[in-house]
Amino acid sequence: MKENKNIEPEQPPENIPKEIPSQENILPVAETAANEPQQPIIPTSEIKNMEVHKHPHHITHKKKWGEYLLEFLMLFLAVFLGFVAENIREHISERENEKVYMQSLVQNIKNDISTIKDQQKVFDQRVILLDSLISILDAPTITSNTGNLYYYARMATKDNGFFGNTSTFDQMKSTGGLKLIKSKSVAESILSYYTIIDQVRQLQFVGEEGELNEYRKIAVQIFNADVFNQRNSISMNMVARPVDNPPLRTTDRKLLGDLAGWAHYIKNTRIGIDQFKKGVFEKGEKLIKQIEEEYYLENE
């Protein structure tokens, strides 16, 4: 009986679960696999290819020198073509501006030629008038011919100056438009034309400041201003011939002779100016023809 007391109770086996699950919680393996989503099966060859493939523009991708050269050439070509296009556009714009200048210049020259034609008719009459004035002043007696003397003496100071239409030429000089003229011969002809116009202006200024001023200084001592005032038409800018022979302030031979001398200088100066104006006329006609042929303006 004592031996039985020393015997320990047997331990249950470790592999035996303490609690046996109910049959309701146990599903067949086949049924569980059927309820789960199926994963695609990727072939082993594709997995290897995915591991070794790299995008050419990956951040760690190093470009070859050929790629840098190609990019540089493309950039250079884009800049160069832009530069060429801008030059072409600028060239077309300059040619258009040049033609507009030439059209305006031709019109200015035509105006000059028309003015010279109109003044030429008056010039011939004024030369005859000055000759008549000199003849009366040099005559032994003038008291019986003072009506004509007053008329000729007053008309001697009237003259239609020629200044030329230089508006387009002045604009071209101030804006650099003369550089647009590609034809060297046309540019030289234009400069020559306006050089002679400048000479006409200078001669007219000398005549106005020289001979005419001296002439007027003597004329006021010989003629009565009241007679001039009565015969001068302000509205028409014309001088009427007196119907009688108004008296002079003096018949001093020296003063009359001096006045005749300055009348002679005035006539010669105007003849010289007329020669230059004829030169303007001839150069103008040639220049118009030259410009029209160079820029095809004949039919415009």
Protein backbone atom coordinates (compact mmCIF):
# COMPACT_ATOMS: atom_id res chain seq x y z
CA MET A 1 0.00 0.00 0.00
CA LYS A 2 2.89 2.32 0.67
CA GLU A 3 4.25 1.78 -2.82
CA ASN A 4 1.02 2.88 -4.34
CA LYS A 5 1.19 6.25 -2.64
CA ASN A 6 4.56 7.12 -4.19
CA ILE A 7 3.42 6.62 -7.77
CA GLU A 8 2.86 9.99 -9.60
CA PRO A 9 -0.12 10.38 -11.89
CA GLU A 10 0.56 10.00 -15.61
CA GLN A 11 0.85 13.22 -17.77
CA PRO A 12 -1.26 13.49 -20.84
CA PRO A 13 0.56 13.31 -24.19
CA GLU A 14 1.80 16.63 -25.53
CA ASN A 15 0.58 16.02 -29.08
CA ILE A 16 -3.00 15.59 -28.02
CA PRO A 17 -4.81 18.92 -28.22
CA LYS A 18 -6.46 20.05 -25.09
CA GLU A 19 -9.66 20.92 -27.01
CA ILE A 20 -10.90 19.27 -30.05
CA PRO A 21 -12.47 21.76 -32.49
CA SER A 22 -15.93 21.12 -33.61
CA GLN A 23 -16.53 19.72 -37.03
CA GLU A 24 -18.33 22.88 -38.08
CA ASN A 25 -15.08 24.93 -38.00
CA ILE A 26 -13.12 22.55 -40.14
CA LEU A 27 -13.32 23.15 -43.93
CA PRO A 28 -11.87 20.94 -46.53
CA VAL A 29 -8.60 22.13 -48.06
CA ALA A 30 -9.98 22.10 -51.58
CA GLU A 31 -12.92 24.29 -50.58
CA THR A 32 -10.65 26.86 -48.89
CA ALA A 33 -8.38 27.16 -51.93
CA ALA A 34 -11.36 27.66 -54.16
CA ASN A 35 -12.60 30.64 -52.14
CA GLU A 36 -9.25 32.50 -52.25
CA PRO A 37 -8.44 34.83 -55.33
CA GLN A 38 -6.19 33.23 -57.87
CA GLN A 39 -2.78 34.94 -58.40
CA PRO A 40 -1.43 35.08 -61.99
CA ILE A 41 1.42 32.79 -62.68
CA ILE A 42 4.40 34.68 -64.23
CA PRO A 43 6.87 32.66 -66.28
CA THR A 44 10.40 32.52 -64.96
CA SER A 45 11.85 34.02 -68.23
CA GLU A 46 9.74 37.16 -67.84
CA ILE A 47 10.83 37.57 -64.25
CA LYS A 48 14.47 37.51 -65.37
CA ASN A 49 13.79 40.08 -68.11
CA MET A 50 12.08 42.41 -65.65
CA GLU A 51 15.04 42.25 -63.36
CA VAL A 52 17.60 43.27 -65.97
CA HIS A 53 15.54 45.90 -67.99
CA LYS A 54 16.37 49.63 -67.39
CA HIS A 55 14.67 52.68 -68.95
CA PRO A 56 17.13 54.68 -71.12
CA HIS A 57 16.11 57.96 -69.42
CA HIS A 58 16.42 56.70 -65.91
CA ILE A 59 17.99 59.20 -63.53
CA THR A 60 21.03 57.01 -63.21
CA HIS A 61 21.37 56.60 -66.98
CA LYS A 62 24.62 58.02 -68.40
CA LYS A 63 24.38 59.59 -71.90
CA LYS A 64 26.88 58.72 -74.55
CA TRP A 65 28.88 61.50 -76.22
CA GLY A 66 26.90 60.96 -79.41
CA GLU A 67 23.68 61.91 -77.63
CA TYR A 68 25.24 65.15 -76.34
CA LEU A 69 26.49 65.96 -79.84
CA LEU A 70 23.05 65.35 -81.35
CA GLU A 71 21.38 67.64 -78.79
CA PHE A 72 23.95 70.36 -79.42
CA LEU A 73 23.48 70.13 -83.19
CA MET A 74 19.69 70.36 -82.83
CA LEU A 75 19.97 73.42 -80.56
CA PHE A 76 22.50 75.06 -82.87
CA LEU A 77 20.31 74.39 -85.90
CA ALA A 78 17.26 75.93 -84.19
CA VAL A 79 19.17 79.10 -83.25
CA PHE A 80 20.74 79.35 -86.72
CA LEU A 81 17.42 78.97 -88.54
CA GLY A 82 15.88 81.63 -86.28
CA PHE A 83 18.75 83.97 -87.10
CA VAL A 84 18.36 83.34 -90.83
CA ALA A 85 14.59 83.91 -90.67
CA GLU A 86 15.10 87.21 -88.84
CA ASN A 87 17.65 88.35 -91.43
CA ILE A 88 15.28 87.50 -94.26
CA ARG A 89 12.43 89.38 -92.57
CA GLU A 90 14.67 92.40 -91.97
CA HIS A 91 15.91 92.33 -95.57
CA ILE A 92 12.37 92.28 -96.94
CA SER A 93 11.38 95.15 -94.64
CA GLU A 94 14.38 97.24 -95.74
CA ARG A 95 13.62 96.69 -99.42
CA GLU A 96 10.00 97.73 -98.88
CA ASN A 97 11.08 100.89 -97.03
CA GLU A 98 13.63 101.66 -99.75
CA LYS A 99 10.97 101.47 -102.44
CA VAL A 100 8.61 103.70 -100.45
CA TYR A 101 11.40 106.28 -100.08
CA MET A 102 12.11 106.18 -103.81
CA GLN A 103 8.45 106.66 -104.70
CA SER A 104 8.24 109.69 -102.42
CA LEU A 105 11.54 111.04 -103.76
CA VAL A 106 10.33 110.81 -107.36
CA GLN A 107 7.22 112.78 -106.44
CA ASN A 108 9.36 115.50 -104.81
CA ILE A 109 11.52 115.79 -107.92
CA LYS A 110 8.46 116.00 -110.17
CA ASN A 111 7.22 118.88 -108.01
CA ASP A 112 10.59 120.63 -108.43
CA ILE A 113 10.46 120.25 -112.22
CA SER A 114 6.93 121.63 -112.34
CA THR A 115 7.95 124.63 -110.23
CA ILE A 116 10.96 125.38 -112.44
CA LYS A 117 8.76 125.27 -115.56
CA ASP A 118 6.34 127.79 -114.08
CA GLN A 119 9.13 130.10 -112.88
CA GLN A 120 10.93 130.01 -116.22
CA LYS A 121 8.07 131.87 -117.90
CA VAL A 122 8.20 134.62 -115.25
CA PHE A 123 12.01 134.75 -115.34
CA ASP A 124 12.14 135.74 -119.00
CA GLN A 125 9.72 138.59 -118.35
CA ARG A 126 11.70 139.80 -115.31
CA VAL A 127 14.94 139.97 -117.29
CA ILE A 128 13.27 142.15 -119.92
CA LEU A 129 11.82 144.31 -117.14
CA LEU A 130 15.25 144.86 -115.55
CA ASP A 131 16.71 145.83 -118.92
CA SER A 132 13.94 148.40 -119.33
CA LEU A 133 14.60 149.79 -115.83
CA ILE A 134 18.31 150.23 -116.54
CA SER A 135 17.53 152.00 -119.85
CA ILE A 136 15.19 154.53 -118.20
CA LEU A 137 17.62 155.24 -115.35
CA ASP A 138 20.41 155.91 -117.86
CA ALA A 139 18.24 158.15 -120.08
CA PRO A 140 19.08 161.89 -120.20
CA THR A 141 15.63 162.85 -118.98
CA ILE A 142 13.26 160.65 -116.97
CA THR A 143 10.58 163.03 -115.72
CA SER A 144 8.31 162.18 -118.63
CA ASN A 145 8.60 158.43 -117.98
CA THR A 146 8.33 158.16 -114.19
CA GLY A 147 5.17 156.02 -114.41
CA ASN A 148 7.13 153.17 -116.01
CA LEU A 149 10.08 153.89 -113.74
CA TYR A 150 7.97 153.39 -110.61
CA TYR A 151 6.54 150.18 -112.00
CA TYR A 152 9.87 148.67 -113.14
CA ALA A 153 11.69 149.73 -109.98
CA ARG A 154 9.08 148.06 -107.75
CA MET A 155 8.91 144.87 -109.79
CA ALA A 156 12.70 144.52 -109.69
CA THR A 157 12.55 143.45 -106.04
CA LYS A 158 9.96 140.75 -106.64
CA ASP A 159 11.22 137.30 -107.43
CA ASN A 160 9.88 133.79 -106.92
CA GLY A 161 12.70 131.97 -105.21
CA PHE A 162 13.29 128.29 -105.85
CA PHE A 163 14.07 126.17 -102.80
CA GLY A 164 13.29 122.65 -103.95
CA ASN A 165 11.22 120.02 -102.19
CA THR A 166 13.71 118.22 -99.93
CA SER A 167 11.25 116.71 -97.44
CA THR A 168 11.94 113.06 -98.34
CA PHE A 169 15.70 113.60 -98.70
CA ASP A 170 15.85 115.34 -95.30
CA GLN A 171 13.89 112.49 -93.71
CA MET A 172 16.22 109.90 -95.21
CA LYS A 173 19.24 111.76 -93.85
CA SER A 174 17.79 112.06 -90.34
CA THR A 175 16.56 108.45 -90.09
CA GLY A 176 19.48 106.74 -91.84
CA GLY A 177 17.34 105.97 -94.89
CA LEU A 178 20.19 106.78 -97.27
CA LYS A 179 21.89 103.56 -96.12
CA LEU A 180 18.96 101.57 -97.52
CA ILE A 181 19.84 102.56 -101.10
CA LYS A 182 21.61 99.52 -102.53
CA SER A 183 22.34 101.01 -105.95
CA LYS A 184 25.52 103.07 -105.75
CA SER A 185 24.74 104.94 -108.97
CA VAL A 186 21.27 105.94 -107.71
CA ALA A 187 22.71 107.14 -104.40
CA GLU A 188 25.34 109.25 -106.18
CA SER A 189 22.73 110.77 -108.51
CA ILE A 190 20.50 111.69 -105.57
CA LEU A 191 23.37 113.41 -103.75
CA SER A 192 24.35 115.26 -106.93
CA TYR A 193 20.79 116.45 -107.46
CA TYR A 194 20.38 117.89 -103.97
CA THR A 195 23.86 119.40 -104.06
CA ILE A 196 22.88 121.62 -106.98
CA ILE A 197 19.64 122.57 -105.22
CA ASP A 198 21.71 123.70 -102.27
CA GLN A 199 23.83 125.83 -104.62
CA VAL A 200 20.68 127.53 -105.94
CA ARG A 201 19.63 128.34 -102.40
CA GLN A 202 23.01 129.84 -101.57
CA LEU A 203 22.98 132.04 -104.68
CA GLN A 204 19.50 133.27 -103.86
CA PHE A 205 20.56 134.10 -100.33
CA VAL A 206 23.60 136.04 -101.58
CA GLY A 207 21.40 137.93 -104.04
CA GLU A 208 18.83 138.74 -101.39
CA GLU A 209 21.36 139.83 -98.80
CA GLY A 210 23.69 141.57 -101.25
CA GLU A 211 22.38 143.21 -104.39
CA LEU A 212 18.74 143.60 -103.32
CA ASN A 213 19.59 145.21 -99.98
CA GLU A 214 21.91 147.75 -101.65
CA TYR A 215 19.28 148.39 -104.30
CA ARG A 216 16.59 149.10 -101.68
CA LYS A 217 18.84 151.50 -99.78
CA ILE A 218 19.13 153.70 -102.86
CA ALA A 219 15.54 153.23 -104.05
CA VAL A 220 14.05 154.74 -100.86
CA GLN A 221 15.99 157.93 -101.60
CA ILE A 222 14.59 158.25 -105.13
CA PHE A 223 10.96 157.07 -104.98
CA ASN A 224 7.98 158.22 -102.92
CA ALA A 225 6.73 155.39 -100.77
CA ASP A 226 3.16 156.69 -101.01
CA VAL A 227 3.12 156.01 -104.76
CA PHE A 228 4.32 152.45 -104.19
CA ASN A 229 1.70 151.98 -101.51
CA GLN A 230 -1.12 153.10 -103.78
CA ARG A 231 -0.07 150.86 -106.67
CA ASN A 232 0.61 147.75 -104.63
CA SER A 233 -2.24 145.20 -104.33
CA ILE A 234 -1.97 143.32 -101.05
CA SER A 235 -4.70 140.80 -101.86
CA MET A 236 -3.22 139.87 -105.26
CA ASN A 237 0.44 140.44 -104.36
CA MET A 238 0.75 142.42 -107.59
CA VAL A 239 1.98 145.86 -108.59
CA ALA A 240 -0.12 148.10 -110.84
CA ARG A 241 1.48 150.52 -113.26
CA PRO A 242 0.71 154.23 -112.51
CA VAL A 243 -1.55 155.89 -115.06
CA ASP A 244 0.39 159.16 -114.89
CA ASN A 245 3.99 160.20 -114.17
CA PRO A 246 4.28 160.64 -110.39
CA PRO A 247 7.15 162.88 -109.22
CA LEU A 248 10.38 161.46 -107.80
CA ARG A 249 11.95 162.50 -104.54
CA THR A 250 15.15 163.35 -106.43
CA THR A 251 16.59 163.20 -109.91
CA ASP A 252 20.18 163.14 -108.72
CA ARG A 253 22.21 161.53 -111.51
CA LYS A 254 24.56 159.79 -109.13
CA LEU A 255 21.75 158.06 -107.24
CA LEU A 256 20.04 157.13 -110.48
CA GLY A 257 23.29 155.73 -111.82
CA ASP A 258 23.90 153.73 -108.62
CA LEU A 259 20.42 152.28 -108.79
CA ALA A 260 21.00 151.28 -112.41
CA GLY A 261 24.26 149.57 -111.41
CA TRP A 262 22.61 147.47 -108.68
CA ALA A 263 19.77 146.59 -111.06
CA HIS A 264 22.40 145.23 -113.42
CA TYR A 265 23.92 143.07 -110.63
CA ILE A 266 20.50 141.76 -109.71
CA LYS A 267 19.86 140.77 -113.32
CA ASN A 268 23.19 138.95 -113.67
CA THR A 269 22.72 137.10 -110.37
CA ARG A 270 19.28 135.91 -111.45
CA ILE A 271 20.65 134.77 -114.79
CA GLY A 272 23.25 132.71 -112.92
CA ILE A 273 20.55 131.24 -110.66
CA ASP A 274 18.50 130.39 -113.73
CA GLN A 275 21.40 128.41 -115.17
CA PHE A 276 21.64 126.38 -111.98
CA LYS A 277 17.88 125.82 -112.03
CA LYS A 278 18.19 124.44 -115.55
CA GLY A 279 20.80 122.05 -114.19
CA VAL A 280 18.32 120.99 -111.49
CA PHE A 281 15.72 120.43 -114.20
CA GLU A 282 18.00 118.23 -116.32
CA LYS A 283 19.35 116.23 -113.38
CA GLY A 284 15.82 115.78 -112.04
CA GLU A 285 14.50 114.29 -115.26
CA LYS A 286 17.45 111.89 -115.50
CA LEU A 287 17.13 110.90 -111.84
CA ILE A 288 13.42 110.15 -112.17
CA LYS A 289 14.10 107.86 -115.14
CA GLN A 290 16.97 106.17 -113.30
CA ILE A 291 14.92 105.50 -110.17
CA GLU A 292 11.90 104.25 -112.11
CA GLU A 293 14.06 101.78 -114.04
CA GLU A 294 15.94 100.61 -110.94
CA TYR A 295 12.82 100.08 -108.81
CA TYR A 296 10.31 99.26 -111.59
CA LEU A 297 8.11 102.28 -110.86
CA GLU A 298 7.14 103.07 -114.46
CA ASN A 299 3.69 101.48 -114.19
CA GLU A 300 2.91 102.51 -110.61
